[in-house]
Amino acid sequence: MSATSKSWVADFQAVLDRIIPKDDYPSASEAGVDRFILDLWHCGSEPSEALVRGGLMGIAGFAQLPVGEQDLKLSTQADCPWFRQLCELAAEGFYADPANGANPDAISWVMIGYRSGLPDGPSGPPSDPRDAVQGRLRA
């Protein structure tokens, strides 16, 4: 990987980690959002790579800035199409089904209290599982 590529990737990850910073839960890059987006671009299913790369070139060296300066720099980019697109992709990756390559162990779902899957019935699961027989409650 060339120095330019490494710099671009470092800036890309640093911006993602300011969009979704680490707190009690992982940051964007820790949750695989960077890989999720790169995979979308690589397979051609998301056409915004050139737009986002162009925007990142305009803030080259971003990863080396202190966090406060990073936030200030991004505040000037808030309405730029590249940044808005990257925010959208970051959210998609962070809250994606883990089978899509990000959100390991469904950590973002845990964070917001989301439980995947359909309820066991219109009223939810039976109050005592011993009362359930082949999907029906005993009368």
C-alpha atoms as a PDB file:
ATOM      1  CA  MET A   1       0.000   0.000   0.000  1.00  0.00           C
ATOM      2  CA  SER A   2       1.462   3.375  -0.978  1.00  0.00           C
ATOM      3  CA  ALA A   3       1.911   6.272   1.459  1.00  0.00           C
ATOM      4  CA  THR A   4      -0.926   8.126  -0.300  1.00  0.00           C
ATOM      5  CA  SER A   5      -3.236   5.128   0.100  1.00  0.00           C
ATOM      6  CA  LYS A   6      -2.292   4.742   3.764  1.00  0.00           C
ATOM      7  CA  SER A   7      -2.911   8.451   4.362  1.00  0.00           C
ATOM      8  CA  TRP A   8      -6.275   8.305   2.599  1.00  0.00           C
ATOM      9  CA  VAL A   9      -7.337   5.274   4.626  1.00  0.00           C
ATOM     10  CA  ALA A  10      -6.173   6.877   7.894  1.00  0.00           C
ATOM     11  CA  ASP A  11      -8.160  10.042   7.115  1.00  0.00           C
ATOM     12  CA  PHE A  12     -11.179   7.950   6.053  1.00  0.00           C
ATOM     13  CA  GLN A  13     -11.126   5.990   9.332  1.00  0.00           C
ATOM     14  CA  ALA A  14     -10.541   9.114  11.418  1.00  0.00           C
ATOM     15  CA  VAL A  15     -13.536  10.881   9.842  1.00  0.00           C
ATOM     16  CA  LEU A  16     -15.719   7.828  10.419  1.00  0.00           C
ATOM     17  CA  ASP A  17     -14.597   7.746  14.044  1.00  0.00           C
ATOM     18  CA  ARG A  18     -15.659  11.368  14.499  1.00  0.00           C
ATOM     19  CA  ILE A  19     -19.049  10.598  12.901  1.00  0.00           C
ATOM     20  CA  ILE A  20     -19.470   7.624  15.266  1.00  0.00           C
ATOM     21  CA  PRO A  21     -16.979   8.056  18.103  1.00  0.00           C
ATOM     22  CA  LYS A  22     -16.148   5.468  20.718  1.00  0.00           C
ATOM     23  CA  ASP A  23     -17.997   5.750  24.008  1.00  0.00           C
ATOM     24  CA  ASP A  24     -19.372   2.775  25.922  1.00  0.00           C
ATOM     25  CA  TYR A  25     -19.704   1.179  22.489  1.00  0.00           C
ATOM     26  CA  PRO A  26     -17.217   0.802  19.624  1.00  0.00           C
ATOM     27  CA  SER A  27     -16.352   3.571  17.206  1.00  0.00           C
ATOM     28  CA  ALA A  28     -17.223   3.259  13.519  1.00  0.00           C
ATOM     29  CA  SER A  29     -13.901   1.694  12.568  1.00  0.00           C
ATOM     30  CA  GLU A  30     -13.967  -0.640  15.580  1.00  0.00           C
ATOM     31  CA  ALA A  31     -17.406  -1.813  14.428  1.00  0.00           C
ATOM     32  CA  GLY A  32     -16.137  -2.500  10.891  1.00  0.00           C
ATOM     33  CA  VAL A  33     -17.919   0.415   9.224  1.00  0.00           C
ATOM     34  CA  ASP A  34     -14.803   1.302   7.215  1.00  0.00           C
ATOM     35  CA  ARG A  35     -14.599  -2.227   5.768  1.00  0.00           C
ATOM     36  CA  PHE A  36     -18.361  -2.242   5.133  1.00  0.00           C
ATOM     37  CA  ILE A  37     -18.115   0.943   3.038  1.00  0.00           C
ATOM     38  CA  LEU A  38     -14.944  -0.148   1.231  1.00  0.00           C
ATOM     39  CA  ASP A  39     -16.649  -3.428   0.328  1.00  0.00           C
ATOM     40  CA  LEU A  40     -19.660  -1.540  -1.066  1.00  0.00           C
ATOM     41  CA  TRP A  41     -17.354   0.553  -3.214  1.00  0.00           C
ATOM     42  CA  HIS A  42     -15.236  -2.420  -4.262  1.00  0.00           C
ATOM     43  CA  CYS A  43     -18.207  -4.470  -5.495  1.00  0.00           C
ATOM     44  CA  GLY A  44     -19.689  -1.443  -7.279  1.00  0.00           C
ATOM     45  CA  SER A  45     -22.987  -1.391  -5.400  1.00  0.00           C
ATOM     46  CA  GLU A  46     -22.340   2.109  -3.997  1.00  0.00           C
ATOM     47  CA  PRO A  47     -21.197   4.733  -6.524  1.00  0.00           C
ATOM     48  CA  SER A  48     -20.000   7.425  -4.096  1.00  0.00           C
ATOM     49  CA  GLU A  49     -16.323   6.489  -3.776  1.00  0.00           C
ATOM     50  CA  ALA A  50     -15.017   9.268  -6.038  1.00  0.00           C
ATOM     51  CA  LEU A  51     -17.196  11.847  -4.287  1.00  0.00           C
ATOM     52  CA  VAL A  52     -16.028  10.836  -0.798  1.00  0.00           C
ATOM     53  CA  ARG A  53     -12.381  10.462  -1.811  1.00  0.00           C
ATOM     54  CA  GLY A  54     -12.466  13.929  -3.345  1.00  0.00           C
ATOM     55  CA  GLY A  55     -13.837  15.369  -0.119  1.00  0.00           C
ATOM     56  CA  LEU A  56     -11.229  13.585   1.951  1.00  0.00           C
ATOM     57  CA  MET A  57      -8.480  14.986  -0.277  1.00  0.00           C
ATOM     58  CA  GLY A  58      -9.713  18.440   0.714  1.00  0.00           C
ATOM     59  CA  ILE A  59      -8.994  17.644   4.377  1.00  0.00           C
ATOM     60  CA  ALA A  60      -5.772  15.650   3.865  1.00  0.00           C
ATOM     61  CA  GLY A  61      -3.865  15.075   7.091  1.00  0.00           C
ATOM     62  CA  PHE A  62      -7.093  14.944   9.082  1.00  0.00           C
ATOM     63  CA  ALA A  63      -6.031  11.859  11.043  1.00  0.00           C
ATOM     64  CA  GLN A  64      -3.033  13.703  12.515  1.00  0.00           C
ATOM     65  CA  LEU A  65      -5.116  16.545  13.979  1.00  0.00           C
ATOM     66  CA  PRO A  66      -6.210  16.640  17.631  1.00  0.00           C
ATOM     67  CA  VAL A  67      -9.851  15.612  18.113  1.00  0.00           C
ATOM     68  CA  GLY A  68     -11.020  19.203  18.776  1.00  0.00           C
ATOM     69  CA  GLU A  69      -9.483  20.383  15.501  1.00  0.00           C
ATOM     70  CA  GLN A  70     -10.972  17.404  13.694  1.00  0.00           C
ATOM     71  CA  ASP A  71     -14.446  18.338  14.928  1.00  0.00           C
ATOM     72  CA  LEU A  72     -13.931  21.966  13.935  1.00  0.00           C
ATOM     73  CA  LYS A  73     -12.770  20.949  10.452  1.00  0.00           C
ATOM     74  CA  LEU A  74     -15.728  18.621   9.996  1.00  0.00           C
ATOM     75  CA  SER A  75     -18.140  21.338  11.106  1.00  0.00           C
ATOM     76  CA  THR A  76     -17.086  23.251   7.978  1.00  0.00           C
ATOM     77  CA  GLN A  77     -17.912  20.187   5.862  1.00  0.00           C
ATOM     78  CA  ALA A  78     -21.356  19.444   7.311  1.00  0.00           C
ATOM     79  CA  ASP A  79     -23.279  20.545   4.215  1.00  0.00           C
ATOM     80  CA  CYS A  80     -20.843  19.143   1.654  1.00  0.00           C
ATOM     81  CA  PRO A  81     -22.276  16.307  -0.448  1.00  0.00           C
ATOM     82  CA  TRP A  82     -19.277  14.030   0.213  1.00  0.00           C
ATOM     83  CA  PHE A  83     -19.636  14.363   3.982  1.00  0.00           C
ATOM     84  CA  ARG A  84     -23.391  13.911   3.985  1.00  0.00           C
ATOM     85  CA  GLN A  85     -22.966  10.749   1.878  1.00  0.00           C
ATOM     86  CA  LEU A  86     -20.285   9.416   4.207  1.00  0.00           C
ATOM     87  CA  CYS A  87     -22.524  10.045   7.243  1.00  0.00           C
ATOM     88  CA  GLU A  88     -25.317   8.097   5.551  1.00  0.00           C
ATOM     89  CA  LEU A  89     -23.013   5.191   4.726  1.00  0.00           C
ATOM     90  CA  ALA A  90     -21.571   5.214   8.254  1.00  0.00           C
ATOM     91  CA  ALA A  91     -25.048   4.901   9.748  1.00  0.00           C
ATOM     92  CA  GLU A  92     -25.955   2.124   7.312  1.00  0.00           C
ATOM     93  CA  GLY A  93     -22.853   0.163   8.253  1.00  0.00           C
ATOM     94  CA  PHE A  94     -23.082   0.768  11.985  1.00  0.00           C
ATOM     95  CA  TYR A  95     -26.703  -0.359  12.220  1.00  0.00           C
ATOM     96  CA  ALA A  96     -26.515  -3.056   9.531  1.00  0.00           C
ATOM     97  CA  ASP A  97     -27.308  -6.679  10.042  1.00  0.00           C
ATOM     98  CA  PRO A  98     -24.009  -8.228  11.179  1.00  0.00           C
ATOM     99  CA  ALA A  99     -24.201 -10.618   8.206  1.00  0.00           C
ATOM    100  CA  ASN A 100     -23.433  -7.590   6.010  1.00  0.00           C
ATOM    101  CA  GLY A 101     -19.918  -7.227   7.397  1.00  0.00           C
ATOM    102  CA  ALA A 102     -20.185  -4.623  10.141  1.00  0.00           C
ATOM    103  CA  ASN A 103     -21.863  -4.325  13.538  1.00  0.00           C
ATOM    104  CA  PRO A 104     -20.089  -7.318  15.133  1.00  0.00           C
ATOM    105  CA  ASP A 105     -22.204  -9.214  17.639  1.00  0.00           C
ATOM    106  CA  ALA A 106     -25.026  -6.777  16.756  1.00  0.00           C
ATOM    107  CA  ILE A 107     -23.467  -4.347  19.234  1.00  0.00           C
ATOM    108  CA  SER A 108     -25.294  -1.293  17.853  1.00  0.00           C
ATOM    109  CA  TRP A 109     -28.574  -3.182  18.190  1.00  0.00           C
ATOM    110  CA  VAL A 110     -27.741  -3.893  21.815  1.00  0.00           C
ATOM    111  CA  MET A 111     -26.913  -0.207  22.250  1.00  0.00           C
ATOM    112  CA  ILE A 112     -30.375   0.927  21.141  1.00  0.00           C
ATOM    113  CA  GLY A 113     -32.258  -1.984  22.698  1.00  0.00           C
ATOM    114  CA  TYR A 114     -33.298  -3.560  19.392  1.00  0.00           C
ATOM    115  CA  ARG A 115     -34.100  -7.264  19.449  1.00  0.00           C
ATOM    116  CA  SER A 116     -34.110  -8.825  16.004  1.00  0.00           C
ATOM    117  CA  GLY A 117     -36.682 -11.336  14.883  1.00  0.00           C
ATOM    118  CA  LEU A 118     -40.416 -11.551  14.991  1.00  0.00           C
ATOM    119  CA  PRO A 119     -42.297 -11.995  18.252  1.00  0.00           C
ATOM    120  CA  ASP A 120     -43.526 -15.506  19.052  1.00  0.00           C
ATOM    121  CA  GLY A 121     -47.105 -14.448  18.548  1.00  0.00           C
ATOM    122  CA  PRO A 122     -49.392 -11.438  18.648  1.00  0.00           C
ATOM    123  CA  SER A 123     -48.855 -11.045  22.391  1.00  0.00           C
ATOM    124  CA  GLY A 124     -45.181 -12.056  22.396  1.00  0.00           C
ATOM    125  CA  PRO A 125     -43.778 -15.199  23.974  1.00  0.00           C
ATOM    126  CA  PRO A 126     -45.836 -17.204  26.433  1.00  0.00           C
ATOM    127  CA  SER A 127     -45.360 -16.147  30.027  1.00  0.00           C
ATOM    128  CA  ASP A 128     -44.354 -19.667  31.032  1.00  0.00           C
ATOM    129  CA  PRO A 129     -42.578 -21.699  28.324  1.00  0.00           C
ATOM    130  CA  ARG A 130     -43.841 -24.944  29.932  1.00  0.00           C
ATOM    131  CA  ASP A 131     -47.349 -23.915  28.827  1.00  0.00           C
ATOM    132  CA  ALA A 132     -46.374 -23.947  25.154  1.00  0.00           C
ATOM    133  CA  VAL A 133     -46.967 -27.121  23.131  1.00  0.00           C
ATOM    134  CA  GLN A 134     -45.953 -27.136  19.480  1.00  0.00           C
ATOM    135  CA  GLY A 135     -46.620 -23.443  19.078  1.00  0.00           C
ATOM    136  CA  ARG A 136     -50.010 -23.471  20.809  1.00  0.00           C
ATOM    137  CA  LEU A 137     -50.941 -22.695  24.369  1.00  0.00           C
ATOM    138  CA  ARG A 138     -52.747 -25.321  26.356  1.00  0.00           C
ATOM    139  CA  ALA A 139     -56.217 -24.265  27.298  1.00  0.00           C
END
